[in-house]
Amino acid sequence: MSFIWTSMLWSLMLIPLLVLLYLRMQRRRAQIALRYGSLGLVQQASGRGVGVRRHIPAILFLVGLTVLFVALARPQMVIGLPKVEGIVILAFDVSGSMAAEDFEPNRLEAAKAVAIDFVSRQPSTVKVGVVAFSESGLSVQIPSADQTAIIDAIERLKPQRGTSLANGIVASLNTIANLTGEEPIVGFEGADVPPLLNGTPEISADQSSAIVLFTDGENNMNPDPVEAALLAAERGVRIHTIAVGSPEGTQLTVNGFTVFTQVDEAALQQISEITQGIYYNAQDEDDLREVYESIEPRLKVQEEAQEVTAVFAGVSILILLIGGLLSLLWFSRVP
């Protein structure tokens, strides 16, 4: 326990003085009763016949005052408080195939609409960032609780060219690092990542950072996205991968060109497994909305120093009231 106004603890010095004053009053009462009273008055004035009970109200008053003096110092206690908080990075694939119109009005616009709904339902304790990736990855909105700024960043996204999942993951990790104070990843080519040998790094259950990786196609550029996923696992960041489209592949007309696009389901599943995230395959806009609704920040218990002055003040008042009521019931007076 700590105190905001430690100087007020000096008021506890009054407690020994009050104890001495009470003992002196008891002695004077006994002396007066012996000197002036008859036998019946001596018993009434000196308290004989009631035993230890005559001291209980006074003890309660002293305890209540002690707690009240402690409350004056504004005590603080470290309390575990449940909070829904975290950092969520929405990483959008903005490759050219995201302009395909198998979703209404197209894949990217459908993803943006559902993402905006996702953002609007987050509590203020959750910071959401936006990353766009095609041939490279770019943070377009730092993690923030400003929902207007986040939604504006999402609405500005436009389809570009190729797809590099690794650059999207690295850009998302660097966006998180800028907020948490970690070292950013510079010049990532996959060479510095250790091979996957004895399982993946364990991610803490209360880890509150996550990446939602939204893509419609297969990775067609270096570096290897699996190596980027290993970096995310080492930093304790989960990656939830969302695939839009069919694993069998389909031909789509994009900007007047006919292209064949196919979801690399195995690669996306591996990315999620490495980071202990979840893989989803959304076949239509309704599926996509269900996917976003299932991705919620984790409830974690965070220890914080909380002022508990009101608790101490309430306990002290309760004790004083009990002492006063007992004194009135037993002796028809307040000690």
C-alpha atoms as a PDB file:
ATOM      1  CA  MET A   1       0.000   0.000   0.000  1.00  0.00           C
ATOM      2  CA  SER A   2       1.185   3.528  -0.779  1.00  0.00           C
ATOM      3  CA  PHE A   3      -0.143   6.988   0.066  1.00  0.00           C
ATOM      4  CA  ILE A   4      -0.577  10.170  -1.958  1.00  0.00           C
ATOM      5  CA  TRP A   5      -0.509  12.502   1.066  1.00  0.00           C
ATOM      6  CA  THR A   6       1.950  10.751   3.374  1.00  0.00           C
ATOM      7  CA  SER A   7       2.180  13.801   5.635  1.00  0.00           C
ATOM      8  CA  MET A   8      -1.379  13.156   6.800  1.00  0.00           C
ATOM      9  CA  LEU A   9      -0.213   9.929   8.462  1.00  0.00           C
ATOM     10  CA  TRP A  10       1.107  12.114  11.278  1.00  0.00           C
ATOM     11  CA  SER A  11      -2.520  12.418  12.373  1.00  0.00           C
ATOM     12  CA  LEU A  12      -2.211   8.828  13.691  1.00  0.00           C
ATOM     13  CA  MET A  13      -0.175  10.294  16.538  1.00  0.00           C
ATOM     14  CA  LEU A  14      -3.483  11.431  17.988  1.00  0.00           C
ATOM     15  CA  ILE A  15      -4.578   7.836  18.621  1.00  0.00           C
ATOM     16  CA  PRO A  16      -2.190   7.182  21.565  1.00  0.00           C
ATOM     17  CA  LEU A  17      -3.246  10.544  23.029  1.00  0.00           C
ATOM     18  CA  LEU A  18      -6.905   9.562  22.768  1.00  0.00           C
ATOM     19  CA  VAL A  19      -6.133   6.221  24.464  1.00  0.00           C
ATOM     20  CA  LEU A  20      -4.412   8.021  27.356  1.00  0.00           C
ATOM     21  CA  LEU A  21      -7.317  10.472  27.596  1.00  0.00           C
ATOM     22  CA  TYR A  22      -9.809   7.592  27.738  1.00  0.00           C
ATOM     23  CA  LEU A  23      -7.845   5.793  30.464  1.00  0.00           C
ATOM     24  CA  ARG A  24      -7.609   9.003  32.483  1.00  0.00           C
ATOM     25  CA  MET A  25     -11.358   9.573  32.178  1.00  0.00           C
ATOM     26  CA  GLN A  26     -11.978   6.034  33.401  1.00  0.00           C
ATOM     27  CA  ARG A  27      -9.801   6.587  36.470  1.00  0.00           C
ATOM     28  CA  ARG A  28     -11.500   9.907  37.278  1.00  0.00           C
ATOM     29  CA  ARG A  29     -14.921   8.307  36.933  1.00  0.00           C
ATOM     30  CA  ALA A  30     -13.956   5.539  39.348  1.00  0.00           C
ATOM     31  CA  GLN A  31     -12.503   8.046  41.862  1.00  0.00           C
ATOM     32  CA  ILE A  32     -15.606  10.254  41.755  1.00  0.00           C
ATOM     33  CA  ALA A  33     -17.873   7.256  42.233  1.00  0.00           C
ATOM     34  CA  LEU A  34     -15.888   6.029  45.248  1.00  0.00           C
ATOM     35  CA  ARG A  35     -15.796   9.452  46.827  1.00  0.00           C
ATOM     36  CA  TYR A  36     -19.384  10.611  46.425  1.00  0.00           C
ATOM     37  CA  GLY A  37     -21.667   7.764  45.574  1.00  0.00           C
ATOM     38  CA  SER A  38     -23.612   5.213  47.519  1.00  0.00           C
ATOM     39  CA  LEU A  39     -23.081   1.548  46.719  1.00  0.00           C
ATOM     40  CA  GLY A  40     -25.531   1.547  43.814  1.00  0.00           C
ATOM     41  CA  LEU A  41     -24.123   4.784  42.403  1.00  0.00           C
ATOM     42  CA  VAL A  42     -20.582   3.471  42.732  1.00  0.00           C
ATOM     43  CA  GLN A  43     -21.480   0.488  40.571  1.00  0.00           C
ATOM     44  CA  GLN A  44     -23.177   2.711  37.979  1.00  0.00           C
ATOM     45  CA  ALA A  45     -20.422   5.324  37.790  1.00  0.00           C
ATOM     46  CA  SER A  46     -17.455   2.985  37.921  1.00  0.00           C
ATOM     47  CA  GLY A  47     -18.954   0.591  35.375  1.00  0.00           C
ATOM     48  CA  ARG A  48     -18.971  -2.410  37.655  1.00  0.00           C
ATOM     49  CA  GLY A  49     -21.495  -4.992  36.634  1.00  0.00           C
ATOM     50  CA  VAL A  50     -21.007  -4.517  32.912  1.00  0.00           C
ATOM     51  CA  GLY A  51     -17.506  -5.936  32.698  1.00  0.00           C
ATOM     52  CA  VAL A  52     -15.455  -5.575  29.519  1.00  0.00           C
ATOM     53  CA  ARG A  53     -18.527  -4.544  27.572  1.00  0.00           C
ATOM     54  CA  ARG A  54     -18.168  -0.949  28.745  1.00  0.00           C
ATOM     55  CA  HIS A  55     -14.927  -0.609  26.728  1.00  0.00           C
ATOM     56  CA  ILE A  56     -16.224  -2.033  23.413  1.00  0.00           C
ATOM     57  CA  PRO A  57     -17.813   1.225  22.090  1.00  0.00           C
ATOM     58  CA  ALA A  58     -14.680   3.187  22.935  1.00  0.00           C
ATOM     59  CA  ILE A  59     -12.462   0.613  21.202  1.00  0.00           C
ATOM     60  CA  LEU A  60     -14.679   0.776  18.114  1.00  0.00           C
ATOM     61  CA  PHE A  61     -14.441   4.561  18.126  1.00  0.00           C
ATOM     62  CA  LEU A  62     -10.631   4.397  18.291  1.00  0.00           C
ATOM     63  CA  VAL A  63     -10.499   1.849  15.453  1.00  0.00           C
ATOM     64  CA  GLY A  64     -12.869   3.945  13.351  1.00  0.00           C
ATOM     65  CA  LEU A  65     -10.794   7.078  13.902  1.00  0.00           C
ATOM     66  CA  THR A  66      -7.599   5.183  13.025  1.00  0.00           C
ATOM     67  CA  VAL A  67      -9.068   4.058   9.703  1.00  0.00           C
ATOM     68  CA  LEU A  68     -10.345   7.590   9.064  1.00  0.00           C
ATOM     69  CA  PHE A  69      -6.898   9.111   9.690  1.00  0.00           C
ATOM     70  CA  VAL A  70      -5.402   6.597   7.245  1.00  0.00           C
ATOM     71  CA  ALA A  71      -8.033   7.634   4.686  1.00  0.00           C
ATOM     72  CA  LEU A  72      -6.869  11.255   5.030  1.00  0.00           C
ATOM     73  CA  ALA A  73      -3.515  10.179   3.564  1.00  0.00           C
ATOM     74  CA  ARG A  74      -5.306   8.972   0.385  1.00  0.00           C
ATOM     75  CA  PRO A  75      -4.148   5.340   0.303  1.00  0.00           C
ATOM     76  CA  GLN A  76      -3.438   3.495  -2.947  1.00  0.00           C
ATOM     77  CA  MET A  77      -3.447  -0.262  -3.535  1.00  0.00           C
ATOM     78  CA  VAL A  78      -2.346  -2.334  -6.512  1.00  0.00           C
ATOM     79  CA  ILE A  79      -5.528  -3.973  -7.796  1.00  0.00           C
ATOM     80  CA  GLY A  80      -5.990  -6.329 -10.723  1.00  0.00           C
ATOM     81  CA  LEU A  81      -8.599  -4.738 -12.994  1.00  0.00           C
ATOM     82  CA  PRO A  82     -10.142  -6.574 -15.948  1.00  0.00           C
ATOM     83  CA  LYS A  83      -9.856  -4.529 -19.124  1.00  0.00           C
ATOM     84  CA  VAL A  84     -10.611  -5.051 -22.770  1.00  0.00           C
ATOM     85  CA  GLU A  85      -7.579  -3.487 -24.357  1.00  0.00           C
ATOM     86  CA  GLY A  86      -4.968  -4.068 -26.986  1.00  0.00           C
ATOM     87  CA  ILE A  87      -3.525  -3.095 -30.330  1.00  0.00           C
ATOM     88  CA  VAL A  88      -5.182  -4.373 -33.504  1.00  0.00           C
ATOM     89  CA  ILE A  89      -3.549  -3.768 -36.883  1.00  0.00           C
ATOM     90  CA  LEU A  90      -5.845  -4.118 -39.893  1.00  0.00           C
ATOM     91  CA  ALA A  91      -3.459  -5.072 -42.706  1.00  0.00           C
ATOM     92  CA  PHE A  92      -5.140  -4.751 -46.125  1.00  0.00           C
ATOM     93  CA  ASP A  93      -3.915  -6.383 -49.303  1.00  0.00           C
ATOM     94  CA  VAL A  94      -4.332  -3.600 -51.885  1.00  0.00           C
ATOM     95  CA  SER A  95      -3.092  -5.599 -54.877  1.00  0.00           C
ATOM     96  CA  GLY A  96      -4.866  -5.172 -58.218  1.00  0.00           C
ATOM     97  CA  SER A  97      -7.025  -8.276 -57.767  1.00  0.00           C
ATOM     98  CA  MET A  98      -8.733  -6.633 -54.806  1.00  0.00           C
ATOM     99  CA  ALA A  99     -10.702  -4.634 -57.376  1.00  0.00           C
ATOM    100  CA  ALA A 100     -12.476  -7.829 -58.463  1.00  0.00           C
ATOM    101  CA  GLU A 101     -16.261  -7.553 -58.316  1.00  0.00           C
ATOM    102  CA  ASP A 102     -17.223 -10.981 -56.957  1.00  0.00           C
ATOM    103  CA  PHE A 103     -17.975  -8.985 -53.779  1.00  0.00           C
ATOM    104  CA  GLU A 104     -20.245  -5.931 -53.993  1.00  0.00           C
ATOM    105  CA  PRO A 105     -19.039  -3.424 -55.123  1.00  0.00           C
ATOM    106  CA  ASN A 106     -15.589  -5.104 -55.090  1.00  0.00           C
ATOM    107  CA  ARG A 107     -13.397  -7.093 -52.717  1.00  0.00           C
ATOM    108  CA  LEU A 108     -11.531  -4.150 -51.239  1.00  0.00           C
ATOM    109  CA  GLU A 109     -14.633  -1.995 -50.736  1.00  0.00           C
ATOM    110  CA  ALA A 110     -16.450  -4.909 -49.067  1.00  0.00           C
ATOM    111  CA  ALA A 111     -13.510  -5.470 -46.736  1.00  0.00           C
ATOM    112  CA  LYS A 112     -13.328  -1.750 -45.939  1.00  0.00           C
ATOM    113  CA  ALA A 113     -17.057  -1.589 -45.117  1.00  0.00           C
ATOM    114  CA  VAL A 114     -16.842  -4.484 -42.678  1.00  0.00           C
ATOM    115  CA  ALA A 115     -13.588  -3.152 -41.178  1.00  0.00           C
ATOM    116  CA  ILE A 116     -15.207   0.224 -40.523  1.00  0.00           C
ATOM    117  CA  ASP A 117     -18.028  -1.535 -38.686  1.00  0.00           C
ATOM    118  CA  PHE A 118     -15.410  -3.478 -36.694  1.00  0.00           C
ATOM    119  CA  VAL A 119     -13.619  -0.252 -35.728  1.00  0.00           C
ATOM    120  CA  SER A 120     -16.820   1.495 -34.652  1.00  0.00           C
ATOM    121  CA  ARG A 121     -17.576  -1.306 -32.141  1.00  0.00           C
ATOM    122  CA  GLN A 122     -14.222  -1.204 -30.350  1.00  0.00           C
ATOM    123  CA  PRO A 123     -13.938   0.294 -26.837  1.00  0.00           C
ATOM    124  CA  SER A 124     -11.737   3.336 -26.296  1.00  0.00           C
ATOM    125  CA  THR A 125      -9.076   1.140 -24.643  1.00  0.00           C
ATOM    126  CA  VAL A 126      -8.373  -0.618 -27.963  1.00  0.00           C
ATOM    127  CA  LYS A 127      -6.012   1.105 -30.395  1.00  0.00           C
ATOM    128  CA  VAL A 128      -6.524   0.230 -34.056  1.00  0.00           C
ATOM    129  CA  GLY A 129      -3.943   0.845 -36.794  1.00  0.00           C
ATOM    130  CA  VAL A 130      -4.159   0.439 -40.555  1.00  0.00           C
ATOM    131  CA  VAL A 131      -1.491  -0.993 -42.872  1.00  0.00           C
ATOM    132  CA  ALA A 132      -1.713  -1.314 -46.653  1.00  0.00           C
ATOM    133  CA  PHE A 133       0.507  -3.712 -48.579  1.00  0.00           C
ATOM    134  CA  SER A 134       1.015  -4.684 -52.196  1.00  0.00           C
ATOM    135  CA  GLU A 135       4.601  -4.770 -53.478  1.00  0.00           C
ATOM    136  CA  SER A 136       5.646  -3.169 -50.183  1.00  0.00           C
ATOM    137  CA  GLY A 137       4.015  -2.432 -46.838  1.00  0.00           C
ATOM    138  CA  LEU A 138       3.030   1.005 -45.559  1.00  0.00           C
ATOM    139  CA  SER A 139       1.475   2.151 -42.301  1.00  0.00           C
ATOM    140  CA  VAL A 140      -1.345   4.514 -43.233  1.00  0.00           C
ATOM    141  CA  GLN A 141      -2.679   5.021 -39.709  1.00  0.00           C
ATOM    142  CA  ILE A 142      -0.781   4.617 -36.445  1.00  0.00           C
ATOM    143  CA  PRO A 143      -2.653   2.686 -33.720  1.00  0.00           C
ATOM    144  CA  SER A 144      -5.157   5.067 -32.192  1.00  0.00           C
ATOM    145  CA  ALA A 145      -8.461   5.224 -30.378  1.00  0.00           C
ATOM    146  CA  ASP A 146      -9.589   8.040 -32.715  1.00  0.00           C
ATOM    147  CA  GLN A 147     -12.215   6.160 -34.697  1.00  0.00           C
ATOM    148  CA  THR A 148     -12.775   9.023 -37.137  1.00  0.00           C
ATOM    149  CA  ALA A 149      -9.103   9.066 -38.153  1.00  0.00           C
ATOM    150  CA  ILE A 150      -9.027   5.264 -38.473  1.00  0.00           C
ATOM    151  CA  ILE A 151     -12.130   5.164 -40.665  1.00  0.00           C
ATOM    152  CA  ASP A 152     -10.767   7.973 -42.877  1.00  0.00           C
ATOM    153  CA  ALA A 153      -7.534   5.990 -43.349  1.00  0.00           C
ATOM    154  CA  ILE A 154      -9.471   2.863 -44.342  1.00  0.00           C
ATOM    155  CA  GLU A 155     -11.617   4.756 -46.826  1.00  0.00           C
ATOM    156  CA  ARG A 156      -8.515   6.141 -48.587  1.00  0.00           C
ATOM    157  CA  LEU A 157      -7.239   2.660 -49.540  1.00  0.00           C
ATOM    158  CA  LYS A 158      -7.091   1.940 -53.285  1.00  0.00           C
ATOM    159  CA  PRO A 159      -6.001  -1.162 -55.262  1.00  0.00           C
ATOM    160  CA  GLN A 160      -2.334  -1.168 -56.379  1.00  0.00           C
ATOM    161  CA  ARG A 161      -0.221  -3.973 -57.961  1.00  0.00           C
ATOM    162  CA  GLY A 162       1.545  -7.124 -56.614  1.00  0.00           C
ATOM    163  CA  THR A 163       1.190  -8.981 -53.295  1.00  0.00           C
ATOM    164  CA  SER A 164       3.896  -9.293 -50.635  1.00  0.00           C
ATOM    165  CA  LEU A 165       2.469 -10.773 -47.460  1.00  0.00           C
ATOM    166  CA  ALA A 166       5.828 -10.551 -45.679  1.00  0.00           C
ATOM    167  CA  ASN A 167       6.061  -6.792 -46.233  1.00  0.00           C
ATOM    168  CA  GLY A 168       2.540  -6.419 -44.899  1.00  0.00           C
ATOM    169  CA  ILE A 169       3.436  -8.375 -41.751  1.00  0.00           C
ATOM    170  CA  VAL A 170       6.690  -6.459 -41.210  1.00  0.00           C
ATOM    171  CA  ALA A 171       4.984  -3.087 -41.703  1.00  0.00           C
ATOM    172  CA  SER A 172       2.345  -4.128 -39.150  1.00  0.00           C
ATOM    173  CA  LEU A 173       5.011  -5.249 -36.649  1.00  0.00           C
ATOM    174  CA  ASN A 174       6.857  -1.938 -37.048  1.00  0.00           C
ATOM    175  CA  THR A 175       3.605  -0.048 -36.488  1.00  0.00           C
ATOM    176  CA  ILE A 176       3.128  -1.923 -33.211  1.00  0.00           C
ATOM    177  CA  ALA A 177       6.804  -1.404 -32.298  1.00  0.00           C
ATOM    178  CA  ASN A 178       6.472   2.375 -32.692  1.00  0.00           C
ATOM    179  CA  LEU A 179       3.747   2.324 -30.048  1.00  0.00           C
ATOM    180  CA  THR A 180       5.290  -0.194 -27.636  1.00  0.00           C
ATOM    181  CA  GLY A 181       8.876   1.074 -27.833  1.00  0.00           C
ATOM    182  CA  GLU A 182      10.330  -2.069 -29.405  1.00  0.00           C
ATOM    183  CA  GLU A 183      13.115  -1.986 -31.985  1.00  0.00           C
ATOM    184  CA  PRO A 184      11.726  -1.654 -35.522  1.00  0.00           C
ATOM    185  CA  ILE A 185      12.586  -4.234 -38.166  1.00  0.00           C
ATOM    186  CA  VAL A 186      14.900  -2.643 -40.736  1.00  0.00           C
ATOM    187  CA  GLY A 187      15.967  -4.189 -44.036  1.00  0.00           C
ATOM    188  CA  PHE A 188      14.094  -7.443 -43.549  1.00  0.00           C
ATOM    189  CA  GLU A 189      15.004 -10.081 -46.115  1.00  0.00           C
ATOM    190  CA  GLY A 190      14.341 -13.203 -44.060  1.00  0.00           C
ATOM    191  CA  ALA A 191      18.020 -14.061 -43.628  1.00  0.00           C
ATOM    192  CA  ASP A 192      18.155 -13.244 -39.932  1.00  0.00           C
ATOM    193  CA  VAL A 193      15.167 -15.393 -38.962  1.00  0.00           C
ATOM    194  CA  PRO A 194      16.031 -18.719 -37.299  1.00  0.00           C
ATOM    195  CA  PRO A 195      14.568 -21.862 -38.894  1.00  0.00           C
ATOM    196  CA  LEU A 196      11.413 -23.413 -37.444  1.00  0.00           C
ATOM    197  CA  LEU A 197      12.760 -26.425 -35.519  1.00  0.00           C
ATOM    198  CA  ASN A 198      11.206 -27.260 -32.151  1.00  0.00           C
ATOM    199  CA  GLY A 199       7.772 -25.723 -32.458  1.00  0.00           C
ATOM    200  CA  THR A 200       6.902 -22.043 -32.387  1.00  0.00           C
ATOM    201  CA  PRO A 201       7.548 -19.464 -29.655  1.00  0.00           C
ATOM    202  CA  GLU A 202       4.861 -19.513 -26.973  1.00  0.00           C
ATOM    203  CA  ILE A 203       2.631 -16.454 -27.008  1.00  0.00           C
ATOM    204  CA  SER A 204       1.262 -15.300 -23.658  1.00  0.00           C
ATOM    205  CA  ALA A 205      -2.476 -15.757 -23.160  1.00  0.00           C
ATOM    206  CA  ASP A 206      -2.885 -12.088 -22.191  1.00  0.00           C
ATOM    207  CA  GLN A 207      -0.948 -10.759 -25.195  1.00  0.00           C
ATOM    208  CA  SER A 208      -3.082  -7.924 -26.506  1.00  0.00           C
ATOM    209  CA  SER A 209      -1.433  -7.147 -29.877  1.00  0.00           C
ATOM    210  CA  ALA A 210      -2.818  -8.748 -33.012  1.00  0.00           C
ATOM    211  CA  ILE A 211      -2.666  -8.365 -36.783  1.00  0.00           C
ATOM    212  CA  VAL A 212      -5.678  -9.018 -38.996  1.00  0.00           C
ATOM    213  CA  LEU A 213      -4.162  -9.863 -42.383  1.00  0.00           C
ATOM    214  CA  PHE A 214      -6.688  -9.510 -45.177  1.00  0.00           C
ATOM    215  CA  THR A 215      -5.709 -10.914 -48.593  1.00  0.00           C
ATOM    216  CA  ASP A 216      -7.349 -12.436 -51.664  1.00  0.00           C
ATOM    217  CA  GLY A 217      -4.424 -14.073 -53.403  1.00  0.00           C
ATOM    218  CA  GLU A 218      -1.160 -15.883 -53.127  1.00  0.00           C
ATOM    219  CA  ASN A 219       2.139 -14.317 -52.199  1.00  0.00           C
ATOM    220  CA  ASN A 220       4.084 -13.537 -55.408  1.00  0.00           C
ATOM    221  CA  MET A 221       6.989 -11.486 -54.083  1.00  0.00           C
ATOM    222  CA  ASN A 222       9.911 -11.967 -51.708  1.00  0.00           C
ATOM    223  CA  PRO A 223      10.637 -12.255 -48.827  1.00  0.00           C
ATOM    224  CA  ASP A 224       9.021 -15.403 -47.468  1.00  0.00           C
ATOM    225  CA  PRO A 225       5.882 -14.571 -45.400  1.00  0.00           C
ATOM    226  CA  VAL A 226       6.503 -17.606 -43.143  1.00  0.00           C
ATOM    227  CA  GLU A 227       9.785 -16.037 -42.025  1.00  0.00           C
ATOM    228  CA  ALA A 228       7.940 -12.799 -41.270  1.00  0.00           C
ATOM    229  CA  ALA A 229       5.400 -14.804 -39.250  1.00  0.00           C
ATOM    230  CA  LEU A 230       8.260 -16.204 -37.153  1.00  0.00           C
ATOM    231  CA  LEU A 231       9.294 -12.645 -36.305  1.00  0.00           C
ATOM    232  CA  ALA A 232       5.713 -11.901 -35.239  1.00  0.00           C
ATOM    233  CA  ALA A 233       5.660 -15.010 -33.018  1.00  0.00           C
ATOM    234  CA  GLU A 234       8.944 -13.995 -31.390  1.00  0.00           C
ATOM    235  CA  ARG A 235       7.394 -10.618 -30.548  1.00  0.00           C
ATOM    236  CA  GLY A 236       4.246 -12.236 -29.166  1.00  0.00           C
ATOM    237  CA  VAL A 237       1.934 -10.885 -31.876  1.00  0.00           C
ATOM    238  CA  ARG A 238      -0.860 -13.086 -33.209  1.00  0.00           C
ATOM    239  CA  ILE A 239      -1.756 -12.964 -36.899  1.00  0.00           C
ATOM    240  CA  HIS A 240      -5.316 -13.765 -37.936  1.00  0.00           C
ATOM    241  CA  THR A 241      -5.387 -14.395 -41.690  1.00  0.00           C
ATOM    242  CA  ILE A 242      -8.533 -13.764 -43.699  1.00  0.00           C
ATOM    243  CA  ALA A 243      -8.740 -15.140 -47.229  1.00  0.00           C
ATOM    244  CA  VAL A 244     -11.316 -13.905 -49.712  1.00  0.00           C
ATOM    245  CA  GLY A 245     -11.758 -16.185 -52.664  1.00  0.00           C
ATOM    246  CA  SER A 246     -11.547 -19.839 -53.552  1.00  0.00           C
ATOM    247  CA  PRO A 247      -8.517 -22.095 -52.965  1.00  0.00           C
ATOM    248  CA  GLU A 248      -9.270 -23.666 -56.372  1.00  0.00           C
ATOM    249  CA  GLY A 249      -8.760 -20.300 -58.038  1.00  0.00           C
ATOM    250  CA  THR A 250     -10.830 -18.305 -60.466  1.00  0.00           C
ATOM    251  CA  GLN A 251     -10.408 -15.958 -63.407  1.00  0.00           C
ATOM    252  CA  LEU A 252     -11.295 -12.353 -62.718  1.00  0.00           C
ATOM    253  CA  THR A 253     -11.412  -9.252 -64.861  1.00  0.00           C
ATOM    254  CA  VAL A 254      -9.445  -6.469 -63.233  1.00  0.00           C
ATOM    255  CA  ASN A 255      -9.023  -3.087 -64.936  1.00  0.00           C
ATOM    256  CA  GLY A 256      -9.781  -4.647 -68.321  1.00  0.00           C
ATOM    257  CA  PHE A 257      -7.358  -7.566 -67.910  1.00  0.00           C
ATOM    258  CA  THR A 258      -8.225 -11.199 -67.262  1.00  0.00           C
ATOM    259  CA  VAL A 259      -6.149 -12.621 -64.397  1.00  0.00           C
ATOM    260  CA  PHE A 260      -6.151 -15.893 -62.542  1.00  0.00           C
ATOM    261  CA  THR A 261      -6.176 -15.508 -58.753  1.00  0.00           C
ATOM    262  CA  GLN A 262      -5.904 -18.289 -56.202  1.00  0.00           C
ATOM    263  CA  VAL A 263      -5.781 -18.206 -52.428  1.00  0.00           C
ATOM    264  CA  ASP A 264      -2.678 -19.906 -51.041  1.00  0.00           C
ATOM    265  CA  GLU A 265      -4.665 -21.441 -48.196  1.00  0.00           C
ATOM    266  CA  ALA A 266      -1.768 -23.577 -46.930  1.00  0.00           C
ATOM    267  CA  ALA A 267       0.536 -20.558 -46.548  1.00  0.00           C
ATOM    268  CA  LEU A 268      -2.106 -18.480 -44.768  1.00  0.00           C
ATOM    269  CA  GLN A 269      -2.907 -21.364 -42.419  1.00  0.00           C
ATOM    270  CA  GLN A 270       0.789 -21.772 -41.624  1.00  0.00           C
ATOM    271  CA  ILE A 271       1.142 -18.060 -40.832  1.00  0.00           C
ATOM    272  CA  SER A 272      -1.761 -18.290 -38.381  1.00  0.00           C
ATOM    273  CA  GLU A 273      -0.505 -21.521 -36.810  1.00  0.00           C
ATOM    274  CA  ILE A 274       2.993 -20.101 -36.235  1.00  0.00           C
ATOM    275  CA  THR A 275       1.568 -17.068 -34.420  1.00  0.00           C
ATOM    276  CA  GLN A 276      -1.264 -18.976 -32.695  1.00  0.00           C
ATOM    277  CA  GLY A 277      -3.808 -16.962 -34.635  1.00  0.00           C
ATOM    278  CA  ILE A 278      -6.832 -18.166 -36.590  1.00  0.00           C
ATOM    279  CA  TYR A 279      -7.278 -18.681 -40.340  1.00  0.00           C
ATOM    280  CA  TYR A 280     -10.572 -17.733 -41.948  1.00  0.00           C
ATOM    281  CA  ASN A 281     -11.882 -18.137 -45.470  1.00  0.00           C
ATOM    282  CA  ALA A 282     -14.654 -15.718 -46.338  1.00  0.00           C
ATOM    283  CA  GLN A 283     -16.621 -16.695 -49.437  1.00  0.00           C
ATOM    284  CA  ASP A 284     -18.990 -13.722 -49.409  1.00  0.00           C
ATOM    285  CA  GLU A 285     -19.598 -10.466 -47.577  1.00  0.00           C
ATOM    286  CA  ASP A 286     -21.738 -12.098 -44.878  1.00  0.00           C
ATOM    287  CA  ASP A 287     -18.938 -14.565 -44.124  1.00  0.00           C
ATOM    288  CA  LEU A 288     -16.513 -11.666 -43.985  1.00  0.00           C
ATOM    289  CA  ARG A 289     -18.665  -9.847 -41.437  1.00  0.00           C
ATOM    290  CA  GLU A 290     -18.839 -12.952 -39.243  1.00  0.00           C
ATOM    291  CA  VAL A 291     -15.048 -13.222 -39.386  1.00  0.00           C
ATOM    292  CA  TYR A 292     -14.547  -9.663 -38.157  1.00  0.00           C
ATOM    293  CA  GLU A 293     -17.091 -10.140 -35.389  1.00  0.00           C
ATOM    294  CA  SER A 294     -15.170 -13.178 -34.141  1.00  0.00           C
ATOM    295  CA  ILE A 295     -11.923 -11.200 -33.810  1.00  0.00           C
ATOM    296  CA  GLU A 296     -12.162  -9.363 -30.520  1.00  0.00           C
ATOM    297  CA  PRO A 297      -9.404  -7.927 -28.294  1.00  0.00           C
ATOM    298  CA  ARG A 298      -8.621 -10.100 -25.319  1.00  0.00           C
ATOM    299  CA  LEU A 299      -9.896  -9.462 -21.812  1.00  0.00           C
ATOM    300  CA  LYS A 300      -6.824  -9.133 -19.617  1.00  0.00           C
ATOM    301  CA  VAL A 301      -6.288  -8.377 -15.941  1.00  0.00           C
ATOM    302  CA  GLN A 302      -3.933  -5.453 -15.518  1.00  0.00           C
ATOM    303  CA  GLU A 303      -2.543  -4.492 -12.140  1.00  0.00           C
ATOM    304  CA  GLU A 304      -2.826  -0.775 -11.448  1.00  0.00           C
ATOM    305  CA  ALA A 305      -2.438   1.448  -8.411  1.00  0.00           C
ATOM    306  CA  GLN A 306      -5.929   2.619  -7.486  1.00  0.00           C
ATOM    307  CA  GLU A 307      -6.855   5.153  -4.826  1.00  0.00           C
ATOM    308  CA  VAL A 308      -9.022   3.491  -2.168  1.00  0.00           C
ATOM    309  CA  THR A 309      -9.734   6.525   0.011  1.00  0.00           C
ATOM    310  CA  ALA A 310     -13.477   6.065  -0.350  1.00  0.00           C
ATOM    311  CA  VAL A 311     -13.249   2.463   0.866  1.00  0.00           C
ATOM    312  CA  PHE A 312     -11.295   3.430   3.990  1.00  0.00           C
ATOM    313  CA  ALA A 313     -13.627   6.369   4.683  1.00  0.00           C
ATOM    314  CA  GLY A 314     -16.689   4.146   4.315  1.00  0.00           C
ATOM    315  CA  VAL A 315     -15.260   1.478   6.647  1.00  0.00           C
ATOM    316  CA  SER A 316     -14.362   4.090   9.256  1.00  0.00           C
ATOM    317  CA  ILE A 317     -17.865   5.601   9.204  1.00  0.00           C
ATOM    318  CA  LEU A 318     -19.413   2.140   9.539  1.00  0.00           C
ATOM    319  CA  ILE A 319     -17.245   1.302  12.547  1.00  0.00           C
ATOM    320  CA  LEU A 320     -18.036   4.660  14.200  1.00  0.00           C
ATOM    321  CA  LEU A 321     -21.772   4.123  13.671  1.00  0.00           C
ATOM    322  CA  ILE A 322     -21.621   0.624  15.192  1.00  0.00           C
ATOM    323  CA  GLY A 323     -19.725   1.979  18.209  1.00  0.00           C
ATOM    324  CA  GLY A 324     -22.237   4.775  18.679  1.00  0.00           C
ATOM    325  CA  LEU A 325     -25.258   2.446  18.403  1.00  0.00           C
ATOM    326  CA  LEU A 326     -23.815  -0.034  20.928  1.00  0.00           C
ATOM    327  CA  SER A 327     -23.073   2.771  23.355  1.00  0.00           C
ATOM    328  CA  LEU A 328     -26.631   4.125  23.064  1.00  0.00           C
ATOM    329  CA  LEU A 329     -28.181   0.677  23.455  1.00  0.00           C
ATOM    330  CA  TRP A 330     -26.088  -0.354  26.434  1.00  0.00           C
ATOM    331  CA  PHE A 331     -25.475   2.912  28.270  1.00  0.00           C
ATOM    332  CA  SER A 332     -27.878   5.462  26.706  1.00  0.00           C
ATOM    333  CA  ARG A 333     -24.933   7.711  25.841  1.00  0.00           C
ATOM    334  CA  VAL A 334     -22.150   8.151  23.290  1.00  0.00           C
ATOM    335  CA  PRO A 335     -18.635   7.497  24.679  1.00  0.00           C
END
